Protein backbone atom coordinates (compact mmCIF):
# COMPACT_ATOMS: atom_id res chain seq x y z
CA MET A 1 135.97 50.52 161.04
CA GLU A 2 137.06 49.43 157.57
CA ALA A 3 133.47 49.67 156.33
CA ILE A 4 133.27 53.24 157.62
CA ASN A 5 136.53 54.14 155.87
CA ASP A 6 135.10 52.71 152.64
CA LEU A 7 131.88 54.67 153.22
CA ASN A 8 133.80 57.92 153.69
CA HIS A 9 135.74 57.25 150.49
CA TRP A 10 132.51 56.63 148.59
CA MET A 11 130.99 59.82 150.01
CA MET A 12 134.01 61.92 149.04
CA THR A 13 134.10 60.52 145.50
CA GLU A 14 130.98 59.02 143.94
CA GLY A 15 128.56 60.47 146.50
CA ARG A 16 130.00 63.98 146.27
CA CYS A 17 129.68 63.99 142.48
CA SER A 18 126.25 62.35 142.32
CA GLY A 19 124.21 65.48 142.98
CA ASP A 20 121.56 63.22 144.49
CA PRO A 21 121.00 63.83 148.23
CA MET A 22 118.50 61.00 148.59
CA LYS A 23 120.97 58.52 147.09
CA VAL A 24 123.73 59.78 149.38
CA VAL A 25 121.64 59.57 152.54
CA ALA A 26 120.19 56.17 151.65
CA HIS A 27 123.68 54.76 151.01
CA PHE A 28 124.96 56.33 154.23
CA CYS A 29 122.17 54.76 156.31
CA SER A 30 122.29 51.33 154.67
CA THR A 31 126.06 51.12 155.19
CA LEU A 32 125.69 52.00 158.87
CA ILE A 33 123.06 49.29 159.25
CA ASP A 34 125.28 46.75 157.51
CA SER A 35 128.02 47.76 159.95
CA GLY A 36 125.78 46.93 162.90
CA VAL A 37 124.28 50.31 163.78
CA PRO A 38 120.62 49.67 164.76
CA LEU A 39 119.27 52.56 162.71
CA TRP A 40 115.53 53.02 162.16
CA ARG A 41 115.26 56.69 161.11
CA ALA A 42 117.66 59.44 160.04
CA ASN A 43 117.06 63.14 159.39
CA ILE A 44 119.88 65.00 157.62
CA SER A 45 118.99 68.70 157.88
CA GLN A 46 120.69 71.38 155.77
CA ARG A 47 120.47 75.12 156.43
CA PHE A 48 119.55 77.43 153.56
CA ALA A 49 120.97 80.84 152.69
CA ASN A 50 117.53 82.08 151.72
CA PRO A 51 115.17 84.81 153.00
CA LEU A 52 112.09 82.59 152.55
CA LEU A 53 113.30 79.11 153.48
CA LEU A 54 115.41 78.31 156.50
CA ALA A 55 116.40 74.73 155.79
CA TRP A 56 115.87 71.63 153.72
CA GLY A 57 116.69 68.08 154.50
CA VAL A 58 116.42 64.37 153.79
CA ILE A 59 114.51 61.91 155.95
CA TRP A 60 115.41 58.22 155.62
CA THR A 61 113.44 55.26 156.97
CA PRO A 62 113.41 51.61 155.86
CA ASP A 63 110.26 52.46 153.88
CA GLY A 64 111.86 55.17 151.76
CA THR A 65 113.63 58.50 151.51
CA GLU A 66 112.11 61.96 151.09
CA ILE A 67 113.20 65.62 150.87
CA TYR A 68 111.51 68.40 152.85
CA ASP A 69 111.75 72.20 153.26
CA VAL A 70 111.49 74.32 156.43
CA SER A 71 110.28 77.94 156.43
CA HIS A 72 111.56 80.66 158.75
CA ALA A 73 108.14 80.82 160.39
CA ARG A 74 108.46 77.21 161.51
CA MET A 75 111.53 78.14 163.57
CA LEU A 76 109.27 80.10 165.90
CA THR A 77 106.98 77.13 166.54
CA ASN A 78 107.18 74.19 168.86
CA ASP A 79 108.42 72.06 165.95
CA TYR A 80 111.89 73.52 166.58
CA ILE A 81 111.84 74.95 170.10
CA GLY A 82 112.88 72.23 172.51
CA SER A 83 113.84 69.79 169.76
CA GLY A 84 117.11 67.94 169.33
CA PHE A 85 118.08 70.35 166.58
CA GLU A 86 117.70 73.34 168.87
CA TYR A 87 119.78 71.56 171.53
CA ILE A 88 122.80 70.81 169.34
CA PHE A 89 122.88 74.28 167.78
CA GLU A 90 122.49 76.05 171.12
CA ASN A 91 124.91 73.84 173.07
CA GLN A 92 127.38 73.03 170.26
CA ARG A 93 127.58 69.37 171.21
CA PRO A 94 125.81 66.09 170.35
CA LEU A 95 122.72 64.89 172.19
CA HIS A 96 122.22 61.23 173.13
CA LYS A 97 118.77 60.64 174.61
CA SER A 98 116.76 57.59 175.62
CA LEU A 99 113.17 57.54 174.35
CA ARG A 100 111.97 55.27 177.15
CA ASN A 101 109.71 56.41 179.99
CA LEU A 102 109.27 59.91 178.61
CA ASP A 103 107.16 62.45 180.50
CA PRO A 104 104.44 63.61 178.07
CA GLU A 105 104.07 66.85 180.02
CA THR A 106 107.67 68.01 179.59
CA GLU A 107 109.22 66.21 176.62
CA HIS A 108 109.29 67.62 173.09
CA LEU A 109 106.57 66.31 170.81
CA SER A 110 109.08 64.77 168.36
CA TYR A 111 110.52 62.53 171.10
CA LEU A 112 107.03 61.41 172.09
CA GLU A 113 106.12 60.65 168.47
CA PHE A 114 109.30 58.64 167.92
CA ALA A 115 108.67 56.69 171.11
CA GLU A 116 105.06 56.01 170.14
CA ALA A 117 106.28 54.64 166.79
CA GLY A 118 108.62 52.25 168.57
CA GLY A 119 111.72 54.40 168.94
CA THR A 120 113.96 53.56 171.88
CA ASP A 121 117.03 55.78 171.47
CA TYR A 122 117.90 59.12 169.82
CA TYR A 123 121.14 60.78 168.75
CA ALA A 124 121.63 64.26 167.28
CA THR A 125 124.95 65.69 166.07
CA LEU A 126 126.38 68.56 164.03
CA LEU A 127 127.79 68.64 160.50
CA ASP A 128 130.48 71.30 159.98
CA TYR A 129 131.07 72.69 156.49
CA GLY A 130 134.04 74.48 154.97
CA ASP A 131 132.26 77.85 154.83
CA GLY A 132 131.79 77.81 158.60
CA SER A 133 128.12 76.87 158.46
CA GLN A 134 126.68 74.18 160.70
CA HIS A 135 123.97 71.67 159.91
CA GLY A 136 122.30 68.97 161.95
CA CYS A 137 121.48 65.31 161.68
CA THR A 138 119.46 63.03 163.95
CA PHE A 139 119.32 59.26 164.22
CA THR A 140 116.69 57.10 165.91
CA SER A 141 116.79 53.41 166.85
CA GLN A 142 114.10 50.84 167.61
CA SER A 143 116.58 48.37 169.05
CA THR A 144 115.92 47.11 172.56
CA ASP A 145 119.44 48.13 173.55
CA GLY A 146 119.46 51.40 171.62
CA PHE A 147 122.73 52.90 170.39
CA ALA A 148 125.89 51.56 172.03
CA PRO A 149 129.00 53.78 172.32
CA GLU A 150 130.61 52.01 169.34
CA HIS A 151 127.54 52.82 167.21
CA LEU A 152 127.84 56.51 168.02
CA GLU A 153 131.56 56.36 167.25
CA MET A 154 130.76 54.96 163.79
CA ILE A 155 128.19 57.71 163.16
CA GLU A 156 130.69 60.38 164.19
CA ALA A 157 133.41 58.86 162.02
CA ALA A 158 131.10 58.49 159.01
CA LYS A 159 129.60 61.99 159.23
CA LEU A 160 132.87 63.45 157.88
CA GLY A 161 132.22 61.77 154.54
CA LEU A 162 128.53 62.69 154.74
CA ALA A 163 129.45 66.35 155.17
CA SER A 164 131.81 66.12 152.21
CA ALA A 165 129.04 64.73 149.98
CA MET A 166 126.23 67.00 151.18
CA GLU A 167 128.10 70.32 151.27
CA PRO A 168 128.36 70.90 147.50
CA MET A 169 124.73 69.87 147.04
CA THR A 170 123.68 72.28 149.78
CA MET A 171 125.70 75.11 148.23
CA ARG A 172 124.14 74.48 144.80
CA LYS A 173 120.65 74.20 146.22
CA SER A 174 121.08 77.41 148.25
CA SER A 175 122.42 79.30 145.22
CA MET A 176 119.60 78.09 142.97
CA SER A 177 117.06 78.87 145.67
CA LEU A 178 118.38 82.43 146.01
CA LEU A 179 118.24 82.96 142.25
CA ARG A 180 114.69 81.63 142.12
CA THR A 181 113.61 83.82 145.05
CA TYR A 182 114.87 87.04 143.46
CA LEU A 183 114.52 86.29 139.72
CA GLY A 184 111.70 83.75 139.34
CA ASP A 185 111.85 80.30 137.77
CA GLY A 186 112.58 81.17 134.14
CA PRO A 187 115.26 83.82 134.70
CA SER A 188 116.91 81.83 137.49
CA ASN A 189 117.24 78.81 135.20
CA ALA A 190 118.71 81.00 132.46
CA VAL A 191 121.28 82.58 134.79
CA TRP A 192 122.11 79.21 136.36
CA ASN A 193 122.70 77.75 132.91
CA GLY A 194 125.14 80.50 131.97
CA THR A 195 123.13 83.44 130.60
CA ILE A 196 125.11 85.87 132.71
CA GLN A 197 127.02 88.20 130.41
CA ARG A 198 126.11 91.86 130.11
CA GLY A 199 123.90 92.45 127.09
CA GLU A 200 123.24 88.74 126.58
CA ARG A 201 119.56 88.30 125.78
CA THR A 202 116.96 86.13 124.09
CA THR A 203 114.08 87.32 121.92
CA LEU A 204 110.81 85.44 122.30
CA GLU A 205 107.06 85.80 122.26
CA ALA A 206 105.42 86.25 125.64
CA VAL A 207 102.26 87.42 127.33
CA VAL A 208 103.15 90.36 129.57
CA MET A 209 101.08 91.24 132.62
CA PHE A 210 101.72 94.44 134.54
CA SER A 211 99.89 95.03 137.82
CA ASP A 212 99.85 98.06 140.09
CA LEU A 213 98.35 98.79 143.49
CA ARG A 214 95.82 101.63 143.36
CA GLY A 215 96.20 104.48 145.83
CA PHE A 216 99.65 103.39 146.97
CA THR A 217 101.03 106.93 147.12
CA THR A 218 98.19 108.04 149.38
CA LEU A 219 98.62 104.94 151.52
CA SER A 220 102.36 105.61 151.85
CA ASP A 221 101.72 109.23 152.90
CA THR A 222 98.97 108.50 155.43
CA ALA A 223 99.70 105.07 156.89
CA SER A 224 102.47 103.85 159.17
CA GLU A 225 105.43 101.97 157.74
CA SER A 226 104.17 98.68 159.17
CA GLU A 227 100.73 99.23 157.64
CA VAL A 228 102.28 99.95 154.23
CA PHE A 229 104.43 96.82 154.31
CA ASP A 230 101.49 94.74 155.53
CA ALA A 231 99.42 95.95 152.57
CA LEU A 232 102.24 95.29 150.10
CA ASP A 233 102.91 91.81 151.46
CA GLY A 234 99.24 90.85 151.16
CA TYR A 235 98.99 92.27 147.63
CA PHE A 236 102.24 90.63 146.51
CA ASP A 237 101.10 87.28 147.92
CA VAL A 238 97.89 87.43 145.91
CA VAL A 239 99.54 88.36 142.60
CA VAL A 240 102.56 86.07 142.84
CA GLN A 241 100.50 83.05 143.83
CA SER A 242 98.00 83.70 141.03
CA VAL A 243 100.72 84.10 138.39
CA GLU A 244 102.75 81.08 139.47
CA GLU A 245 99.72 78.81 139.78
CA MET A 246 98.88 79.56 136.14
CA GLY A 247 102.45 78.86 134.97
CA GLY A 248 103.78 82.41 134.69
CA ASP A 249 106.97 84.00 136.02
CA VAL A 250 107.06 87.06 138.26
CA LEU A 251 110.09 88.98 137.01
CA LYS A 252 110.11 92.21 138.99
CA PHE A 253 108.72 94.13 141.92
CA MET A 254 108.91 97.82 141.08
CA GLY A 255 107.66 99.64 144.14
CA ASP A 256 104.03 98.53 144.14
CA GLY A 257 104.22 97.41 140.49
CA ILE A 258 104.67 93.76 139.46
CA LEU A 259 105.91 92.63 136.05
CA SER A 260 105.02 89.06 135.08
CA ILE A 261 105.36 87.08 131.87
CA PHE A 262 103.97 83.90 130.36
CA PRO A 263 106.59 82.79 127.79
CA ILE A 264 105.40 81.36 124.47
CA GLN A 265 107.98 78.84 123.29
CA THR A 266 106.08 77.57 120.23
CA ALA A 267 103.21 78.84 118.08
CA SER A 268 100.96 76.14 119.50
CA GLU A 269 101.34 77.65 122.98
CA HIS A 270 100.04 81.09 122.00
CA LEU A 271 96.36 80.50 122.75
CA HIS A 272 97.13 78.58 125.94
CA GLN A 273 99.45 81.23 127.42
CA CYS A 274 97.06 84.06 126.57
CA ARG A 275 94.36 82.17 128.43
CA GLN A 276 96.64 81.39 131.36
CA ALA A 277 97.44 85.08 131.77
CA ALA A 278 93.76 86.04 131.63
CA LEU A 279 92.84 83.38 134.19
CA SER A 280 95.74 84.55 136.34
CA ALA A 281 94.29 88.09 136.34
CA LYS A 282 90.92 86.67 137.31
CA LYS A 283 92.54 84.73 140.16
CA VAL A 284 94.13 87.99 141.31
CA LEU A 285 90.71 89.63 141.56
CA ILE A 286 89.31 86.66 143.46
CA GLY A 287 92.30 86.59 145.80
CA LEU A 288 92.13 90.34 146.33
CA ALA A 289 88.47 90.08 147.31
CA ASP A 290 89.36 87.46 149.91
CA LEU A 291 92.26 89.59 151.18
CA ASN A 292 90.02 92.66 151.42
CA ASP A 293 87.43 90.70 153.38
CA LYS A 294 90.13 89.86 155.96
CA ARG A 295 91.43 93.44 155.96
CA THR A 296 87.95 94.84 156.53
CA LYS A 297 87.39 92.51 159.47
CA ALA A 298 90.71 93.72 160.89
CA ASN A 299 89.65 97.38 160.44
CA LYS A 300 92.14 97.89 157.59
CA LYS A 301 91.40 99.73 154.36
CA PRO A 302 90.63 97.52 151.33
CA LEU A 303 93.09 97.45 148.45
CA ASN A 304 92.45 97.95 144.76
CA ILE A 305 94.48 97.05 141.71
CA GLY A 306 95.03 97.78 138.03
CA ILE A 307 96.24 95.16 135.55
CA GLY A 308 97.32 95.49 131.91
CA ILE A 309 97.84 92.43 129.68
CA ASN A 310 99.46 92.32 126.23
CA VAL A 311 101.24 89.79 124.06
CA GLY A 312 104.14 90.28 121.68
CA GLN A 313 107.86 89.99 121.13
CA VAL A 314 110.11 90.75 124.09
CA SER A 315 113.84 90.72 124.79
CA TYR A 316 114.74 88.67 127.83
CA GLY A 317 118.16 88.98 129.43
CA ASN A 318 120.81 91.03 131.22
CA ILE A 319 121.20 94.80 131.31
CA GLY A 320 123.29 97.02 133.56
CA SER A 321 126.82 98.17 134.23
CA PRO A 322 129.95 95.99 134.19
CA GLY A 323 129.72 95.58 137.96
CA ARG A 324 125.95 95.34 138.45
CA LEU A 325 123.49 93.43 136.26
CA ASP A 326 119.72 93.08 136.27
CA PHE A 327 117.78 90.29 134.57
CA THR A 328 114.69 91.79 132.95
CA VAL A 329 112.37 91.79 129.95
CA LEU A 330 112.14 94.74 127.55
CA GLY A 331 110.23 95.62 124.40
CA VAL A 332 107.21 97.38 122.97
CA ALA A 333 104.92 94.63 124.27
CA VAL A 334 106.09 95.38 127.81
CA ASN A 335 105.60 99.13 127.37
CA ILE A 336 102.05 98.65 126.08
CA ALA A 337 101.12 96.35 128.99
CA SER A 338 102.38 98.98 131.43
CA ARG A 339 100.61 101.86 129.69
CA ILE A 340 97.24 100.14 129.37
CA GLU A 341 97.50 99.25 133.05
CA GLY A 342 97.77 102.99 133.64
CA LEU A 343 94.55 103.48 131.64
CA THR A 344 92.59 101.35 134.12
CA LYS A 345 92.38 104.47 136.28
CA SER A 346 90.62 106.60 133.64
CA ILE A 347 88.64 103.89 131.82
CA GLY A 348 87.29 102.50 135.08
CA HIS A 349 88.01 98.78 134.68
CA ARG A 350 90.52 96.95 136.84
CA VAL A 351 91.87 94.64 134.10
CA LEU A 352 92.46 95.79 130.52
CA ALA A 353 93.89 93.75 127.66
CA THR A 354 94.72 94.15 124.00
CA SER A 355 92.71 92.50 121.23
CA ALA A 356 95.13 89.56 120.85
CA ILE A 357 94.50 88.57 124.46
CA ALA A 358 90.73 89.10 124.26
CA GLU A 359 90.41 87.15 120.99
CA SER A 360 92.05 84.17 122.69
CA ASN A 361 89.53 84.40 125.54
CA PRO A 362 86.32 85.87 124.05
CA GLU A 363 84.12 84.67 126.90
CA LEU A 364 86.28 86.45 129.47
CA PHE A 365 86.45 89.94 127.94
CA THR A 366 84.15 92.76 126.86
CA ALA A 367 85.12 95.45 124.34
CA CYS A 368 85.52 98.92 125.80
CA GLY A 369 86.37 100.90 122.65
CA LEU A 370 89.39 102.51 121.02
CA HIS A 371 91.84 104.36 123.25
CA GLU A 372 94.96 106.43 122.84
CA VAL A 373 98.04 104.72 124.26
CA ARG A 374 101.17 106.78 124.77
CA GLY A 375 103.85 105.77 122.25
CA ILE A 376 101.36 104.21 119.82
CA ALA A 377 100.54 106.24 116.70
CA HIS A 378 96.90 105.19 116.43
CA PRO A 379 94.22 104.37 119.00
CA ILE A 380 94.01 100.67 119.85
CA ALA A 381 91.08 98.52 120.87
CA LEU A 382 91.03 97.59 124.53
CA PHE A 383 88.98 94.99 126.33
CA ASN A 384 88.09 94.68 129.99
CA LEU A 385 88.10 91.41 131.90
CA CYS A 386 84.62 90.54 133.10
CA GLU A 387 84.48 90.86 136.87
CA PRO A 388 84.47 87.38 138.41
CA ASP A 389 81.61 85.67 140.14
CA LEU A 390 83.70 85.30 143.29
CA GLU A 391 82.11 82.12 144.63
CA LEU A 392 81.71 80.33 141.26
CA ASP A 393 84.99 81.31 139.60
CA ALA A 394 87.04 80.51 142.70
CA LYS A 395 85.88 76.91 142.32
CA LEU A 396 86.39 76.73 138.56
CA ILE A 397 89.88 78.24 138.15
């Protein structure tokens, strides 16, 4: 067991500090093989503290190592139910299972797939972390004799070091994932890198896009709670996906309002980010049309939207009380985007933008005159986004 002791030492020192889960798992597996364990495949699964993702993990085979994510929805499917992972979590003990002579009518699909690929033996066991959380790992062999008792003893002895190396990486990944879920990519990176003090902020140029669901108050008053949340989820999916696919950050959900930005780091990015925001708005309209088609077929009311787009200087950072902070973006450019979004109701166009946005995308916008904007001394020129050709633009964007 000297090799296993050396492996545990490596895991608790170099592995723990590496920050590289694929390197850790690959070293773990190769050392076990060198020690005589007939290992063909390993899956080191790590549970997330995240409302969107349930787990992530590392799969090792002789052909390479890869990282994967698991959503909460997948937990309700046959991928998990009846699997080795479900067994060890439910029974709180390891599972050692032969992959020979399996009954295709009763065995879990994963066992059948491993057996079809040449797997002969399977072992699943738990990893226990210092915070009380439990994680799972599975090992598969293609050896004629499978795993002997001494092989399983080595795995059990070596998993202590594996847990030591993987735990800090899992904690960091979970924390970063939570920040990204609630703050978006840009703000989460800023907070993670230390922009956390009250009042700490950065001033930069950015395209600001403010979107709002039309008729939400009426919907809230007349529809059931489940219908309201179903509508919001569909609308949020459309906007968030459209913004993120075009490189923007969704900063805030404010009731049915969504605040997004497209940061401009250098002067050369100005034209590009203005165009990305405009194309994002067009993608929203295309996505909303598709969503409404599905809602209509399900006898649900279609949704409508208003979007305001502006570009200018914003302040990006923390506001709040000493005990409660919020990461947000503030400034005149944000106020104008919000207020011209409000004008979509009276002007009659779903997407309005200021001249700076329209001039960067002349083929996408049409002038709709001068309009009074609350807080602005003089009327400003506004432009409406040309309604998309749903079939053509969906292919082009």
